[in-house]
Amino acid sequence: MKTKSLLSIFLIAVMIAAVSGCLSEKPKDTKPVEITVSAAISLSDAFKDIGTEFQTKYPEVKINFNFGASGS
């Protein structure tokens, strides 16, 4: 019975350590993220709307759009 108690305590401690590691804050010295999206010009309105919504959720990410003819 004693080994089951020790094993349970050990497993709980490991789970707490794993969860607390996942909850740590994001480092403050991270570089800004920049992505480029290339698409056909006919999709420009849709992608600009999606980009606006994305940037409200992730303001640290800069999106560059590259629109052109689909045959290019």
N, C-alpha and C. Protein backbone atom coordinates (compact mmCIF):
# COMPACT_ATOMS: atom_id res chain seq x y z
N MET A 1 0.82 -1.19 0.00
CA MET A 1 0.00 0.00 0.00
C MET A 1 0.86 1.26 0.00
N LYS A 2 1.98 1.21 0.70
CA LYS A 2 2.84 2.38 0.81
C LYS A 2 3.45 2.76 -0.54
N THR A 3 3.78 1.76 -1.36
CA THR A 3 4.37 2.06 -2.67
C THR A 3 3.36 2.72 -3.59
N LYS A 4 2.10 2.34 -3.50
CA LYS A 4 1.07 2.98 -4.33
C LYS A 4 0.92 4.44 -3.94
N SER A 5 1.00 4.75 -2.65
CA SER A 5 0.90 6.14 -2.20
C SER A 5 2.08 6.96 -2.69
N LEU A 6 3.27 6.41 -2.58
CA LEU A 6 4.47 7.11 -3.04
C LEU A 6 4.43 7.32 -4.55
N LEU A 7 3.98 6.30 -5.27
CA LEU A 7 3.87 6.42 -6.72
C LEU A 7 2.85 7.48 -7.10
N SER A 8 1.73 7.52 -6.40
CA SER A 8 0.70 8.54 -6.67
C SER A 8 1.23 9.94 -6.42
N ILE A 9 1.94 10.13 -5.32
CA ILE A 9 2.52 11.44 -4.99
C ILE A 9 3.54 11.84 -6.05
N PHE A 10 4.35 10.90 -6.48
CA PHE A 10 5.36 11.18 -7.50
C PHE A 10 4.70 11.59 -8.82
N LEU A 11 3.66 10.86 -9.23
CA LEU A 11 2.98 11.18 -10.48
C LEU A 11 2.29 12.54 -10.42
N ILE A 12 1.71 12.87 -9.30
CA ILE A 12 1.07 14.18 -9.14
C ILE A 12 2.11 15.29 -9.22
N ALA A 13 3.27 15.07 -8.60
CA ALA A 13 4.34 16.08 -8.64
C ALA A 13 4.84 16.28 -10.07
N VAL A 14 4.97 15.19 -10.82
CA VAL A 14 5.43 15.29 -12.21
C VAL A 14 4.40 16.04 -13.06
N MET A 15 3.12 15.75 -12.86
CA MET A 15 2.08 16.44 -13.63
C MET A 15 2.04 17.93 -13.30
N ILE A 16 2.21 18.29 -12.03
CA ILE A 16 2.23 19.71 -11.64
C ILE A 16 3.41 20.42 -12.28
N ALA A 17 4.57 19.76 -12.29
CA ALA A 17 5.76 20.37 -12.90
C ALA A 17 5.56 20.55 -14.40
N ALA A 18 4.95 19.58 -15.06
CA ALA A 18 4.73 19.68 -16.51
C ALA A 18 3.75 20.79 -16.84
N VAL A 19 2.67 20.90 -16.09
CA VAL A 19 1.68 21.93 -16.34
C VAL A 19 2.23 23.31 -16.04
N SER A 20 2.99 23.45 -14.98
CA SER A 20 3.54 24.77 -14.65
C SER A 20 4.54 25.23 -15.69
N GLY A 21 5.24 24.31 -16.32
CA GLY A 21 6.16 24.66 -17.40
C GLY A 21 5.43 25.17 -18.62
N CYS A 22 4.26 24.65 -18.87
CA CYS A 22 3.45 25.08 -20.01
C CYS A 22 2.81 26.44 -19.78
N LEU A 23 2.65 26.84 -18.55
CA LEU A 23 1.98 28.08 -18.24
C LEU A 23 2.91 29.27 -18.08
N SER A 24 4.21 29.08 -18.30
CA SER A 24 5.15 30.17 -18.10
C SER A 24 4.93 31.27 -19.13
N GLU A 25 5.37 32.47 -18.80
CA GLU A 25 5.17 33.62 -19.68
C GLU A 25 6.06 33.53 -20.91
N LYS A 26 5.63 34.20 -21.96
CA LYS A 26 6.40 34.27 -23.19
C LYS A 26 7.61 35.17 -22.94
N PRO A 27 8.79 34.78 -23.43
CA PRO A 27 9.97 35.63 -23.25
C PRO A 27 9.74 37.01 -23.85
N LYS A 28 10.24 38.03 -23.17
CA LYS A 28 10.02 39.40 -23.61
C LYS A 28 10.97 39.83 -24.73
N ASP A 29 12.05 39.10 -24.94
CA ASP A 29 13.03 39.50 -25.94
C ASP A 29 12.85 38.76 -27.27
N THR A 30 11.63 38.31 -27.55
CA THR A 30 11.40 37.63 -28.81
C THR A 30 11.38 38.62 -29.97
N LYS A 31 11.84 38.16 -31.11
CA LYS A 31 11.86 39.01 -32.30
C LYS A 31 10.46 39.06 -32.89
N PRO A 32 10.10 40.18 -33.53
CA PRO A 32 8.78 40.25 -34.16
C PRO A 32 8.68 39.23 -35.30
N VAL A 33 7.50 38.70 -35.48
CA VAL A 33 7.27 37.70 -36.52
C VAL A 33 6.67 38.38 -37.74
N GLU A 34 7.17 38.02 -38.90
CA GLU A 34 6.69 38.60 -40.14
C GLU A 34 6.42 37.45 -41.12
N ILE A 35 5.22 37.43 -41.69
CA ILE A 35 4.89 36.39 -42.66
C ILE A 35 4.46 37.04 -43.97
N THR A 36 4.70 36.34 -45.07
CA THR A 36 4.30 36.81 -46.39
C THR A 36 3.29 35.82 -46.96
N VAL A 37 2.16 36.35 -47.41
CA VAL A 37 1.10 35.53 -48.00
C VAL A 37 1.01 35.89 -49.47
N SER A 38 1.21 34.90 -50.33
CA SER A 38 1.09 35.11 -51.78
C SER A 38 -0.18 34.43 -52.26
N ALA A 39 -0.97 35.16 -53.04
CA ALA A 39 -2.24 34.63 -53.53
C ALA A 39 -2.63 35.33 -54.82
N ALA A 40 -3.61 34.76 -55.48
CA ALA A 40 -4.14 35.36 -56.71
C ALA A 40 -4.84 36.67 -56.37
N ILE A 41 -4.77 37.61 -57.28
CA ILE A 41 -5.35 38.93 -57.04
C ILE A 41 -6.87 38.87 -56.82
N SER A 42 -7.52 37.86 -57.38
CA SER A 42 -8.96 37.73 -57.19
C SER A 42 -9.33 37.41 -55.74
N LEU A 43 -8.36 36.99 -54.95
CA LEU A 43 -8.60 36.66 -53.54
C LEU A 43 -8.17 37.79 -52.59
N SER A 44 -7.79 38.93 -53.14
CA SER A 44 -7.22 39.99 -52.30
C SER A 44 -8.19 40.50 -51.24
N ASP A 45 -9.45 40.70 -51.59
CA ASP A 45 -10.42 41.20 -50.59
C ASP A 45 -10.58 40.21 -49.44
N ALA A 46 -10.72 38.94 -49.78
CA ALA A 46 -10.90 37.92 -48.74
C ALA A 46 -9.66 37.83 -47.84
N PHE A 47 -8.47 37.82 -48.44
CA PHE A 47 -7.26 37.70 -47.64
C PHE A 47 -7.02 38.93 -46.78
N LYS A 48 -7.37 40.11 -47.28
CA LYS A 48 -7.20 41.32 -46.46
C LYS A 48 -8.14 41.28 -45.25
N ASP A 49 -9.37 40.79 -45.44
CA ASP A 49 -10.30 40.66 -44.32
C ASP A 49 -9.77 39.65 -43.29
N ILE A 50 -9.28 38.52 -43.78
CA ILE A 50 -8.72 37.50 -42.89
C ILE A 50 -7.50 38.05 -42.16
N GLY A 51 -6.66 38.80 -42.89
CA GLY A 51 -5.46 39.39 -42.28
C GLY A 51 -5.79 40.38 -41.18
N THR A 52 -6.83 41.18 -41.39
CA THR A 52 -7.25 42.14 -40.37
C THR A 52 -7.72 41.42 -39.11
N GLU A 53 -8.51 40.39 -39.29
CA GLU A 53 -8.98 39.62 -38.13
C GLU A 53 -7.83 38.91 -37.42
N PHE A 54 -6.90 38.37 -38.20
CA PHE A 54 -5.75 37.69 -37.62
C PHE A 54 -4.91 38.65 -36.78
N GLN A 55 -4.69 39.86 -37.30
CA GLN A 55 -3.83 40.81 -36.59
C GLN A 55 -4.48 41.36 -35.34
N THR A 56 -5.80 41.33 -35.24
CA THR A 56 -6.42 41.74 -33.98
C THR A 56 -6.17 40.69 -32.90
N LYS A 57 -6.06 39.42 -33.30
CA LYS A 57 -5.76 38.36 -32.33
C LYS A 57 -4.27 38.26 -32.04
N TYR A 58 -3.43 38.52 -33.04
CA TYR A 58 -1.98 38.38 -32.91
C TYR A 58 -1.30 39.67 -33.38
N PRO A 59 -1.34 40.73 -32.57
CA PRO A 59 -0.77 42.01 -33.01
C PRO A 59 0.74 42.00 -33.19
N GLU A 60 1.43 41.02 -32.62
CA GLU A 60 2.88 40.96 -32.74
C GLU A 60 3.33 40.40 -34.09
N VAL A 61 2.39 39.90 -34.90
CA VAL A 61 2.71 39.33 -36.20
C VAL A 61 2.39 40.34 -37.29
N LYS A 62 3.37 40.58 -38.16
CA LYS A 62 3.16 41.49 -39.30
C LYS A 62 2.93 40.64 -40.54
N ILE A 63 1.87 40.96 -41.27
CA ILE A 63 1.53 40.20 -42.47
C ILE A 63 1.82 41.05 -43.71
N ASN A 64 2.56 40.48 -44.64
CA ASN A 64 2.83 41.11 -45.93
C ASN A 64 2.07 40.32 -46.99
N PHE A 65 1.24 41.01 -47.77
CA PHE A 65 0.50 40.36 -48.82
C PHE A 65 1.19 40.56 -50.16
N ASN A 66 1.18 39.53 -50.98
CA ASN A 66 1.76 39.56 -52.32
C ASN A 66 0.70 39.01 -53.27
N PHE A 67 -0.01 39.93 -53.95
CA PHE A 67 -1.07 39.51 -54.87
C PHE A 67 -0.61 39.67 -56.30
N GLY A 68 -0.99 38.71 -57.12
CA GLY A 68 -0.63 38.78 -58.54
C GLY A 68 -1.52 37.88 -59.35
N ALA A 69 -1.25 37.85 -60.65
CA ALA A 69 -2.04 36.99 -61.54
C ALA A 69 -1.78 35.53 -61.20
N SER A 70 -2.82 34.70 -61.32
CA SER A 70 -2.66 33.31 -60.93
C SER A 70 -1.72 32.55 -61.87
N GLY A 71 -1.47 33.05 -63.06
CA GLY A 71 -0.55 32.41 -63.97
C GLY A 71 0.91 32.76 -63.74
N SER A 72 1.16 33.72 -62.86
CA SER A 72 2.55 34.18 -62.63
C SER A 72 3.34 33.22 -61.78
